[in-house]
Amino acid sequence: MRYLIGVLFPVLLQSLFVFIVIETNTGNGSWVGLGALLLGIFAIPATGIANFIYLKSNREISDFAALTRCYLMALIVPLIIFILLMVG
């Protein structure tokens, strides 16, 4: 259950956020959708792998502390995309 909540849910939330940004920036002349797509292609699997390795190597840490760090790590991509939205 720890891997489901710590690896799969953050990846799904990132994918949903990237999909929403891509769909809302289609056809309006903005390059933010393309930037979100290119960032998501590399960052979403990398986040999933990093969260899996983190949970695998830190079994002695409590679930709440480990999952909090996984979700904080998963917030990096939406934060970068949000900054792209503000600039572009």
PDB file of N, CA and C in Angstrom:
ATOM      1  N   MET A   1       0.818  -1.189   0.000  1.00  0.00           N
ATOM      2  CA  MET A   1       0.000   0.000   0.000  1.00  0.00           C
ATOM      3  C   MET A   1       0.867   1.260   0.000  1.00  0.00           C
ATOM      4  N   ARG A   2       2.014   1.171   0.626  1.00  0.00           N
ATOM      5  CA  ARG A   2       2.926   2.309   0.695  1.00  0.00           C
ATOM      6  C   ARG A   2       3.425   2.703  -0.695  1.00  0.00           C
ATOM      7  N   TYR A   3       3.689   1.716  -1.535  1.00  0.00           N
ATOM      8  CA  TYR A   3       4.161   2.003  -2.880  1.00  0.00           C
ATOM      9  C   TYR A   3       3.031   2.536  -3.758  1.00  0.00           C
ATOM     10  N   LEU A   4       1.833   2.058  -3.537  1.00  0.00           N
ATOM     11  CA  LEU A   4       0.691   2.543  -4.308  1.00  0.00           C
ATOM     12  C   LEU A   4       0.453   4.019  -4.030  1.00  0.00           C
ATOM     13  N   ILE A   5       0.467   4.391  -2.774  1.00  0.00           N
ATOM     14  CA  ILE A   5       0.204   5.778  -2.394  1.00  0.00           C
ATOM     15  C   ILE A   5       1.416   6.666  -2.670  1.00  0.00           C
ATOM     16  N   GLY A   6       2.604   6.151  -2.517  1.00  0.00           N
ATOM     17  CA  GLY A   6       3.801   6.954  -2.658  1.00  0.00           C
ATOM     18  C   GLY A   6       4.374   7.030  -4.058  1.00  0.00           C
ATOM     19  N   VAL A   7       4.004   6.098  -4.928  1.00  0.00           N
ATOM     20  CA  VAL A   7       4.554   6.100  -6.277  1.00  0.00           C
ATOM     21  C   VAL A   7       3.461   6.338  -7.315  1.00  0.00           C
ATOM     22  N   LEU A   8       2.404   5.575  -7.255  1.00  0.00           N
ATOM     23  CA  LEU A   8       1.384   5.640  -8.300  1.00  0.00           C
ATOM     24  C   LEU A   8       0.548   6.914  -8.226  1.00  0.00           C
ATOM     25  N   PHE A   9       0.086   7.311  -7.060  1.00  0.00           N
ATOM     26  CA  PHE A   9      -0.764   8.498  -6.956  1.00  0.00           C
ATOM     27  C   PHE A   9      -0.037   9.779  -7.354  1.00  0.00           C
ATOM     28  N   PRO A  10       1.205  10.010  -6.914  1.00  0.00           N
ATOM     29  CA  PRO A  10       1.885  11.224  -7.393  1.00  0.00           C
ATOM     30  C   PRO A  10       2.094  11.245  -8.905  1.00  0.00           C
ATOM     31  N   VAL A  11       2.385  10.089  -9.484  1.00  0.00           N
ATOM     32  CA  VAL A  11       2.548  10.023 -10.939  1.00  0.00           C
ATOM     33  C   VAL A  11       1.224  10.323 -11.635  1.00  0.00           C
ATOM     34  N   LEU A  12       0.141   9.803 -11.110  1.00  0.00           N
ATOM     35  CA  LEU A  12      -1.165  10.083 -11.702  1.00  0.00           C
ATOM     36  C   LEU A  12      -1.553  11.551 -11.548  1.00  0.00           C
ATOM     37  N   LEU A  13      -1.257  12.141 -10.414  1.00  0.00           N
ATOM     38  CA  LEU A  13      -1.563  13.555 -10.218  1.00  0.00           C
ATOM     39  C   LEU A  13      -0.727  14.436 -11.140  1.00  0.00           C
ATOM     40  N   GLN A  14       0.540  14.112 -11.306  1.00  0.00           N
ATOM     41  CA  GLN A  14       1.385  14.858 -12.235  1.00  0.00           C
ATOM     42  C   GLN A  14       0.870  14.716 -13.662  1.00  0.00           C
ATOM     43  N   SER A  15       0.497  13.506 -14.044  1.00  0.00           N
ATOM     44  CA  SER A  15      -0.017  13.276 -15.394  1.00  0.00           C
ATOM     45  C   SER A  15      -1.301  14.054 -15.633  1.00  0.00           C
ATOM     46  N   LEU A  16      -2.170  14.082 -14.659  1.00  0.00           N
ATOM     47  CA  LEU A  16      -3.412  14.841 -14.791  1.00  0.00           C
ATOM     48  C   LEU A  16      -3.131  16.332 -14.937  1.00  0.00           C
ATOM     49  N   PHE A  17      -2.217  16.855 -14.130  1.00  0.00           N
ATOM     50  CA  PHE A  17      -1.879  18.274 -14.210  1.00  0.00           C
ATOM     51  C   PHE A  17      -1.278  18.619 -15.567  1.00  0.00           C
ATOM     52  N   VAL A  18      -0.357  17.796 -16.060  1.00  0.00           N
ATOM     53  CA  VAL A  18       0.260  18.038 -17.364  1.00  0.00           C
ATOM     54  C   VAL A  18      -0.783  17.951 -18.462  1.00  0.00           C
ATOM     55  N   PHE A  19      -1.686  16.993 -18.385  1.00  0.00           N
ATOM     56  CA  PHE A  19      -2.743  16.848 -19.391  1.00  0.00           C
ATOM     57  C   PHE A  19      -3.653  18.073 -19.413  1.00  0.00           C
ATOM     58  N   ILE A  20      -4.013  18.575 -18.244  1.00  0.00           N
ATOM     59  CA  ILE A  20      -4.884  19.756 -18.177  1.00  0.00           C
ATOM     60  C   ILE A  20      -4.179  20.972 -18.780  1.00  0.00           C
ATOM     61  N   VAL A  21      -2.903  21.148 -18.480  1.00  0.00           N
ATOM     62  CA  VAL A  21      -2.156  22.284 -19.042  1.00  0.00           C
ATOM     63  C   VAL A  21      -2.037  22.148 -20.555  1.00  0.00           C
ATOM     64  N   ILE A  22      -1.790  20.960 -21.048  1.00  0.00           N
ATOM     65  CA  ILE A  22      -1.684  20.752 -22.495  1.00  0.00           C
ATOM     66  C   ILE A  22      -3.013  21.055 -23.173  1.00  0.00           C
ATOM     67  N   GLU A  23      -4.094  20.566 -22.619  1.00  0.00           N
ATOM     68  CA  GLU A  23      -5.411  20.771 -23.240  1.00  0.00           C
ATOM     69  C   GLU A  23      -5.869  22.221 -23.192  1.00  0.00           C
ATOM     70  N   THR A  24      -5.531  22.935 -22.129  1.00  0.00           N
ATOM     71  CA  THR A  24      -5.962  24.335 -22.053  1.00  0.00           C
ATOM     72  C   THR A  24      -5.101  25.257 -22.901  1.00  0.00           C
ATOM     73  N   ASN A  25      -3.928  24.830 -23.293  1.00  0.00           N
ATOM     74  CA  ASN A  25      -3.044  25.666 -24.107  1.00  0.00           C
ATOM     75  C   ASN A  25      -2.933  25.167 -25.536  1.00  0.00           C
ATOM     76  N   THR A  26      -3.945  24.501 -26.024  1.00  0.00           N
ATOM     77  CA  THR A  26      -3.937  24.013 -27.390  1.00  0.00           C
ATOM     78  C   THR A  26      -4.661  25.023 -28.284  1.00  0.00           C
ATOM     79  N   GLY A  27      -3.976  25.500 -29.298  1.00  0.00           N
ATOM     80  CA  GLY A  27      -4.595  26.374 -30.279  1.00  0.00           C
ATOM     81  C   GLY A  27      -4.620  27.844 -29.926  1.00  0.00           C
ATOM     82  N   ASN A  28      -3.994  28.259 -28.844  1.00  0.00           N
ATOM     83  CA  ASN A  28      -4.013  29.680 -28.512  1.00  0.00           C
ATOM     84  C   ASN A  28      -2.670  30.357 -28.777  1.00  0.00           C
ATOM     85  N   GLY A  29      -1.757  29.707 -29.450  1.00  0.00           N
ATOM     86  CA  GLY A  29      -0.475  30.300 -29.801  1.00  0.00           C
ATOM     87  C   GLY A  29       0.565  30.231 -28.702  1.00  0.00           C
ATOM     88  N   SER A  30       0.260  29.598 -27.596  1.00  0.00           N
ATOM     89  CA  SER A  30       1.202  29.509 -26.485  1.00  0.00           C
ATOM     90  C   SER A  30       2.032  28.234 -26.610  1.00  0.00           C
ATOM     91  N   TRP A  31       3.276  28.337 -26.219  1.00  0.00           N
ATOM     92  CA  TRP A  31       4.182  27.199 -26.253  1.00  0.00           C
ATOM     93  C   TRP A  31       4.255  26.490 -24.913  1.00  0.00           C
ATOM     94  N   VAL A  32       3.437  26.905 -23.967  1.00  0.00           N
ATOM     95  CA  VAL A  32       3.469  26.314 -22.630  1.00  0.00           C
ATOM     96  C   VAL A  32       3.009  24.861 -22.663  1.00  0.00           C
ATOM     97  N   GLY A  33       2.036  24.558 -23.502  1.00  0.00           N
ATOM     98  CA  GLY A  33       1.561  23.176 -23.622  1.00  0.00           C
ATOM     99  C   GLY A  33       2.655  22.241 -24.114  1.00  0.00           C
ATOM    100  N   LEU A  34       3.420  22.708 -25.097  1.00  0.00           N
ATOM    101  CA  LEU A  34       4.538  21.904 -25.597  1.00  0.00           C
ATOM    102  C   LEU A  34       5.612  21.748 -24.535  1.00  0.00           C
ATOM    103  N   GLY A  35       5.895  22.834 -23.819  1.00  0.00           N
ATOM    104  CA  GLY A  35       6.881  22.758 -22.738  1.00  0.00           C
ATOM    105  C   GLY A  35       6.441  21.794 -21.648  1.00  0.00           C
ATOM    106  N   ALA A  36       5.147  21.824 -21.317  1.00  0.00           N
ATOM    107  CA  ALA A  36       4.619  20.901 -20.305  1.00  0.00           C
ATOM    108  C   ALA A  36       4.711  19.461 -20.789  1.00  0.00           C
ATOM    109  N   LEU A  37       4.428  19.246 -22.069  1.00  0.00           N
ATOM    110  CA  LEU A  37       4.531  17.892 -22.625  1.00  0.00           C
ATOM    111  C   LEU A  37       5.963  17.384 -22.573  1.00  0.00           C
ATOM    112  N   LEU A  38       6.906  18.212 -23.020  1.00  0.00           N
ATOM    113  CA  LEU A  38       8.310  17.784 -23.023  1.00  0.00           C
ATOM    114  C   LEU A  38       8.841  17.579 -21.613  1.00  0.00           C
ATOM    115  N   LEU A  39       8.450  18.447 -20.697  1.00  0.00           N
ATOM    116  CA  LEU A  39       8.865  18.269 -19.310  1.00  0.00           C
ATOM    117  C   LEU A  39       8.240  17.016 -18.708  1.00  0.00           C
ATOM    118  N   GLY A  40       6.977  16.780 -19.010  1.00  0.00           N
ATOM    119  CA  GLY A  40       6.279  15.619 -18.465  1.00  0.00           C
ATOM    120  C   GLY A  40       6.809  14.293 -18.978  1.00  0.00           C
ATOM    121  N   ILE A  41       7.267  14.284 -20.225  1.00  0.00           N
ATOM    122  CA  ILE A  41       7.788  13.041 -20.802  1.00  0.00           C
ATOM    123  C   ILE A  41       8.965  12.513 -19.984  1.00  0.00           C
ATOM    124  N   PHE A  42       9.810  13.419 -19.530  1.00  0.00           N
ATOM    125  CA  PHE A  42      10.999  13.000 -18.796  1.00  0.00           C
ATOM    126  C   PHE A  42      10.798  13.020 -17.281  1.00  0.00           C
ATOM    127  N   ALA A  43      10.084  14.006 -16.789  1.00  0.00           N
ATOM    128  CA  ALA A  43      10.008  14.214 -15.343  1.00  0.00           C
ATOM    129  C   ALA A  43       9.034  13.264 -14.646  1.00  0.00           C
ATOM    130  N   ILE A  44       7.947  12.896 -15.286  1.00  0.00           N
ATOM    131  CA  ILE A  44       6.974  12.031 -14.620  1.00  0.00           C
ATOM    132  C   ILE A  44       7.538  10.630 -14.368  1.00  0.00           C
ATOM    133  N   PRO A  45       8.130   9.958 -15.356  1.00  0.00           N
ATOM    134  CA  PRO A  45       8.746   8.659 -15.036  1.00  0.00           C
ATOM    135  C   PRO A  45       9.926   8.780 -14.073  1.00  0.00           C
ATOM    136  N   ALA A  46      10.687   9.864 -14.194  1.00  0.00           N
ATOM    137  CA  ALA A  46      11.823  10.045 -13.280  1.00  0.00           C
ATOM    138  C   ALA A  46      11.339  10.222 -11.844  1.00  0.00           C
ATOM    139  N   THR A  47      10.240  10.936 -11.657  1.00  0.00           N
ATOM    140  CA  THR A  47       9.685  11.099 -10.318  1.00  0.00           C
ATOM    141  C   THR A  47       9.190   9.772  -9.761  1.00  0.00           C
ATOM    142  N   GLY A  48       8.534   8.979 -10.592  1.00  0.00           N
ATOM    143  CA  GLY A  48       8.071   7.666 -10.146  1.00  0.00           C
ATOM    144  C   GLY A  48       9.221   6.757  -9.741  1.00  0.00           C
ATOM    145  N   ILE A  49      10.261   6.750 -10.537  1.00  0.00           N
ATOM    146  CA  ILE A  49      11.428   5.918 -10.214  1.00  0.00           C
ATOM    147  C   ILE A  49      12.113   6.413  -8.948  1.00  0.00           C
ATOM    148  N   ALA A  50      12.256   7.736  -8.832  1.00  0.00           N
ATOM    149  CA  ALA A  50      12.904   8.298  -7.643  1.00  0.00           C
ATOM    150  C   ALA A  50      12.093   8.019  -6.384  1.00  0.00           C
ATOM    151  N   ASN A  51      10.766   8.128  -6.470  1.00  0.00           N
ATOM    152  CA  ASN A  51       9.923   7.831  -5.309  1.00  0.00           C
ATOM    153  C   ASN A  51      10.007   6.355  -4.937  1.00  0.00           C
ATOM    154  N   PHE A  52      10.039   5.479  -5.938  1.00  0.00           N
ATOM    155  CA  PHE A  52      10.144   4.048  -5.660  1.00  0.00           C
ATOM    156  C   PHE A  52      11.464   3.727  -4.964  1.00  0.00           C
ATOM    157  N   ILE A  53      12.553   4.281  -5.480  1.00  0.00           N
ATOM    158  CA  ILE A  53      13.856   4.032  -4.862  1.00  0.00           C
ATOM    159  C   ILE A  53      13.907   4.600  -3.456  1.00  0.00           C
ATOM    160  N   TYR A  54      13.327   5.783  -3.264  1.00  0.00           N
ATOM    161  CA  TYR A  54      13.315   6.396  -1.929  1.00  0.00           C
ATOM    162  C   TYR A  54      12.531   5.535  -0.943  1.00  0.00           C
ATOM    163  N   LEU A  55      11.357   5.060  -1.341  1.00  0.00           N
ATOM    164  CA  LEU A  55      10.559   4.222  -0.439  1.00  0.00           C
ATOM    165  C   LEU A  55      11.226   2.879  -0.180  1.00  0.00           C
ATOM    166  N   LYS A  56      11.889   2.344  -1.189  1.00  0.00           N
ATOM    167  CA  LYS A  56      12.562   1.052  -1.032  1.00  0.00           C
ATOM    168  C   LYS A  56      13.753   1.160  -0.083  1.00  0.00           C
ATOM    169  N   SER A  57      14.493   2.259  -0.149  1.00  0.00           N
ATOM    170  CA  SER A  57      15.693   2.379   0.666  1.00  0.00           C
ATOM    171  C   SER A  57      15.417   2.888   2.079  1.00  0.00           C
ATOM    172  N   ASN A  58      14.270   3.479   2.320  1.00  0.00           N
ATOM    173  CA  ASN A  58      13.949   4.042   3.635  1.00  0.00           C
ATOM    174  C   ASN A  58      12.737   3.337   4.244  1.00  0.00           C
ATOM    175  N   ARG A  59      12.894   2.082   4.520  1.00  0.00           N
ATOM    176  CA  ARG A  59      11.792   1.320   5.110  1.00  0.00           C
ATOM    177  C   ARG A  59      11.569   1.641   6.583  1.00  0.00           C
ATOM    178  N   GLU A  60      12.611   2.122   7.276  1.00  0.00           N
ATOM    179  CA  GLU A  60      12.494   2.363   8.709  1.00  0.00           C
ATOM    180  C   GLU A  60      11.793   3.679   9.029  1.00  0.00           C
ATOM    181  N   ILE A  61      11.670   4.582   8.049  1.00  0.00           N
ATOM    182  CA  ILE A  61      10.982   5.859   8.274  1.00  0.00           C
ATOM    183  C   ILE A  61       9.474   5.597   8.313  1.00  0.00           C
ATOM    184  N   SER A  62       8.775   6.370   9.129  1.00  0.00           N
ATOM    185  CA  SER A  62       7.323   6.187   9.227  1.00  0.00           C
ATOM    186  C   SER A  62       6.661   6.492   7.882  1.00  0.00           C
ATOM    187  N   ASP A  63       5.487   5.933   7.694  1.00  0.00           N
ATOM    188  CA  ASP A  63       4.781   6.094   6.430  1.00  0.00           C
ATOM    189  C   ASP A  63       4.459   7.554   6.142  1.00  0.00           C
ATOM    190  N   PHE A  64       4.028   8.287   7.143  1.00  0.00           N
ATOM    191  CA  PHE A  64       3.639   9.676   6.932  1.00  0.00           C
ATOM    192  C   PHE A  64       4.834  10.514   6.470  1.00  0.00           C
ATOM    193  N   ALA A  65       5.976  10.348   7.093  1.00  0.00           N
ATOM    194  CA  ALA A  65       7.162  11.127   6.717  1.00  0.00           C
ATOM    195  C   ALA A  65       7.638  10.751   5.317  1.00  0.00           C
ATOM    196  N   ALA A  66       7.633   9.479   5.003  1.00  0.00           N
ATOM    197  CA  ALA A  66       8.093   9.041   3.688  1.00  0.00           C
ATOM    198  C   ALA A  66       7.142   9.502   2.587  1.00  0.00           C
ATOM    199  N   LEU A  67       5.855   9.377   2.819  1.00  0.00           N
ATOM    200  CA  LEU A  67       4.886   9.774   1.801  1.00  0.00           C
ATOM    201  C   LEU A  67       4.837  11.283   1.633  1.00  0.00           C
ATOM    202  N   THR A  68       5.079  12.013   2.707  1.00  0.00           N
ATOM    203  CA  THR A  68       5.135  13.471   2.592  1.00  0.00           C
ATOM    204  C   THR A  68       6.285  13.887   1.688  1.00  0.00           C
ATOM    205  N   ARG A  69       7.428  13.258   1.849  1.00  0.00           N
ATOM    206  CA  ARG A  69       8.570  13.574   0.984  1.00  0.00           C
ATOM    207  C   ARG A  69       8.308  13.171  -0.456  1.00  0.00           C
ATOM    208  N   CYS A  70       7.601  12.073  -0.662  1.00  0.00           N
ATOM    209  CA  CYS A  70       7.270  11.659  -2.029  1.00  0.00           C
ATOM    210  C   CYS A  70       6.354  12.679  -2.708  1.00  0.00           C
ATOM    211  N   TYR A  71       5.364  13.170  -1.982  1.00  0.00           N
ATOM    212  CA  TYR A  71       4.458  14.156  -2.561  1.00  0.00           C
ATOM    213  C   TYR A  71       5.148  15.499  -2.756  1.00  0.00           C
ATOM    214  N   LEU A  72       6.060  15.858  -1.867  1.00  0.00           N
ATOM    215  CA  LEU A  72       6.813  17.094  -2.064  1.00  0.00           C
ATOM    216  C   LEU A  72       7.719  16.990  -3.289  1.00  0.00           C
ATOM    217  N   MET A  73       8.296  15.818  -3.502  1.00  0.00           N
ATOM    218  CA  MET A  73       9.108  15.619  -4.689  1.00  0.00           C
ATOM    219  C   MET A  73       8.242  15.660  -5.954  1.00  0.00           C
ATOM    220  N   ALA A  74       7.018  15.182  -5.843  1.00  0.00           N
ATOM    221  CA  ALA A  74       6.120  15.183  -6.987  1.00  0.00           C
ATOM    222  C   ALA A  74       5.578  16.575  -7.298  1.00  0.00           C
ATOM    223  N   LEU A  75       5.683  17.515  -6.380  1.00  0.00           N
ATOM    224  CA  LEU A  75       5.219  18.874  -6.623  1.00  0.00           C
ATOM    225  C   LEU A  75       6.204  19.712  -7.425  1.00  0.00           C
ATOM    226  N   ILE A  76       7.378  19.206  -7.670  1.00  0.00           N
ATOM    227  CA  ILE A  76       8.377  19.972  -8.404  1.00  0.00           C
ATOM    228  C   ILE A  76       7.921  20.224  -9.844  1.00  0.00           C
ATOM    229  N   VAL A  77       7.432  19.210 -10.507  1.00  0.00           N
ATOM    230  CA  VAL A  77       7.006  19.358 -11.907  1.00  0.00           C
ATOM    231  C   VAL A  77       5.824  20.319 -12.039  1.00  0.00           C
ATOM    232  N   PRO A  78       4.751  20.182 -11.258  1.00  0.00           N
ATOM    233  CA  PRO A  78       3.681  21.179 -11.381  1.00  0.00           C
ATOM    234  C   PRO A  78       4.134  22.593 -11.049  1.00  0.00           C
ATOM    235  N   LEU A  79       5.076  22.747 -10.138  1.00  0.00           N
ATOM    236  CA  LEU A  79       5.591  24.080  -9.819  1.00  0.00           C
ATOM    237  C   LEU A  79       6.339  24.671 -11.012  1.00  0.00           C
ATOM    238  N   ILE A  80       7.158  23.881 -11.676  1.00  0.00           N
ATOM    239  CA  ILE A  80       7.881  24.359 -12.860  1.00  0.00           C
ATOM    240  C   ILE A  80       6.893  24.716 -13.968  1.00  0.00           C
ATOM    241  N   ILE A  81       5.878  23.893 -14.170  1.00  0.00           N
ATOM    242  CA  ILE A  81       4.886  24.171 -15.207  1.00  0.00           C
ATOM    243  C   ILE A  81       4.079  25.415 -14.847  1.00  0.00           C
ATOM    244  N   PHE A  82       3.787  25.605 -13.584  1.00  0.00           N
ATOM    245  CA  PHE A  82       3.069  26.795 -13.144  1.00  0.00           C
ATOM    246  C   PHE A  82       3.905  28.050 -13.424  1.00  0.00           C
ATOM    247  N   ILE A  83       5.206  27.966 -13.192  1.00  0.00           N
ATOM    248  CA  ILE A  83       6.088  29.094 -13.506  1.00  0.00           C
ATOM    249  C   ILE A  83       6.105  29.343 -15.010  1.00  0.00           C
ATOM    250  N   LEU A  84       6.105  28.289 -15.807  1.00  0.00           N
ATOM    251  CA  LEU A  84       6.011  28.452 -17.262  1.00  0.00           C
ATOM    252  C   LEU A  84       4.711  29.140 -17.655  1.00  0.00           C
ATOM    253  N   LEU A  85       3.622  28.790 -16.988  1.00  0.00           N
ATOM    254  CA  LEU A  85       2.340  29.433 -17.277  1.00  0.00           C
ATOM    255  C   LEU A  85       2.383  30.919 -16.931  1.00  0.00           C
ATOM    256  N   MET A  86       3.034  31.255 -15.848  1.00  0.00           N
ATOM    257  CA  MET A  86       3.104  32.662 -15.439  1.00  0.00           C
ATOM    258  C   MET A  86       3.984  33.465 -16.408  1.00  0.00           C
ATOM    259  N   VAL A  87       5.062  32.882 -16.878  1.00  0.00           N
ATOM    260  CA  VAL A  87       5.986  33.593 -17.773  1.00  0.00           C
ATOM    261  C   VAL A  87       5.425  33.638 -19.201  1.00  0.00           C
ATOM    262  N   GLY A  88       4.895  32.506 -19.654  1.00  0.00           N
ATOM    263  CA  GLY A  88       4.447  32.410 -21.049  1.00  0.00           C
ATOM    264  C   GLY A  88       3.037  32.734 -21.166  1.00  0.00           C
TER     265      GLY A  88
END
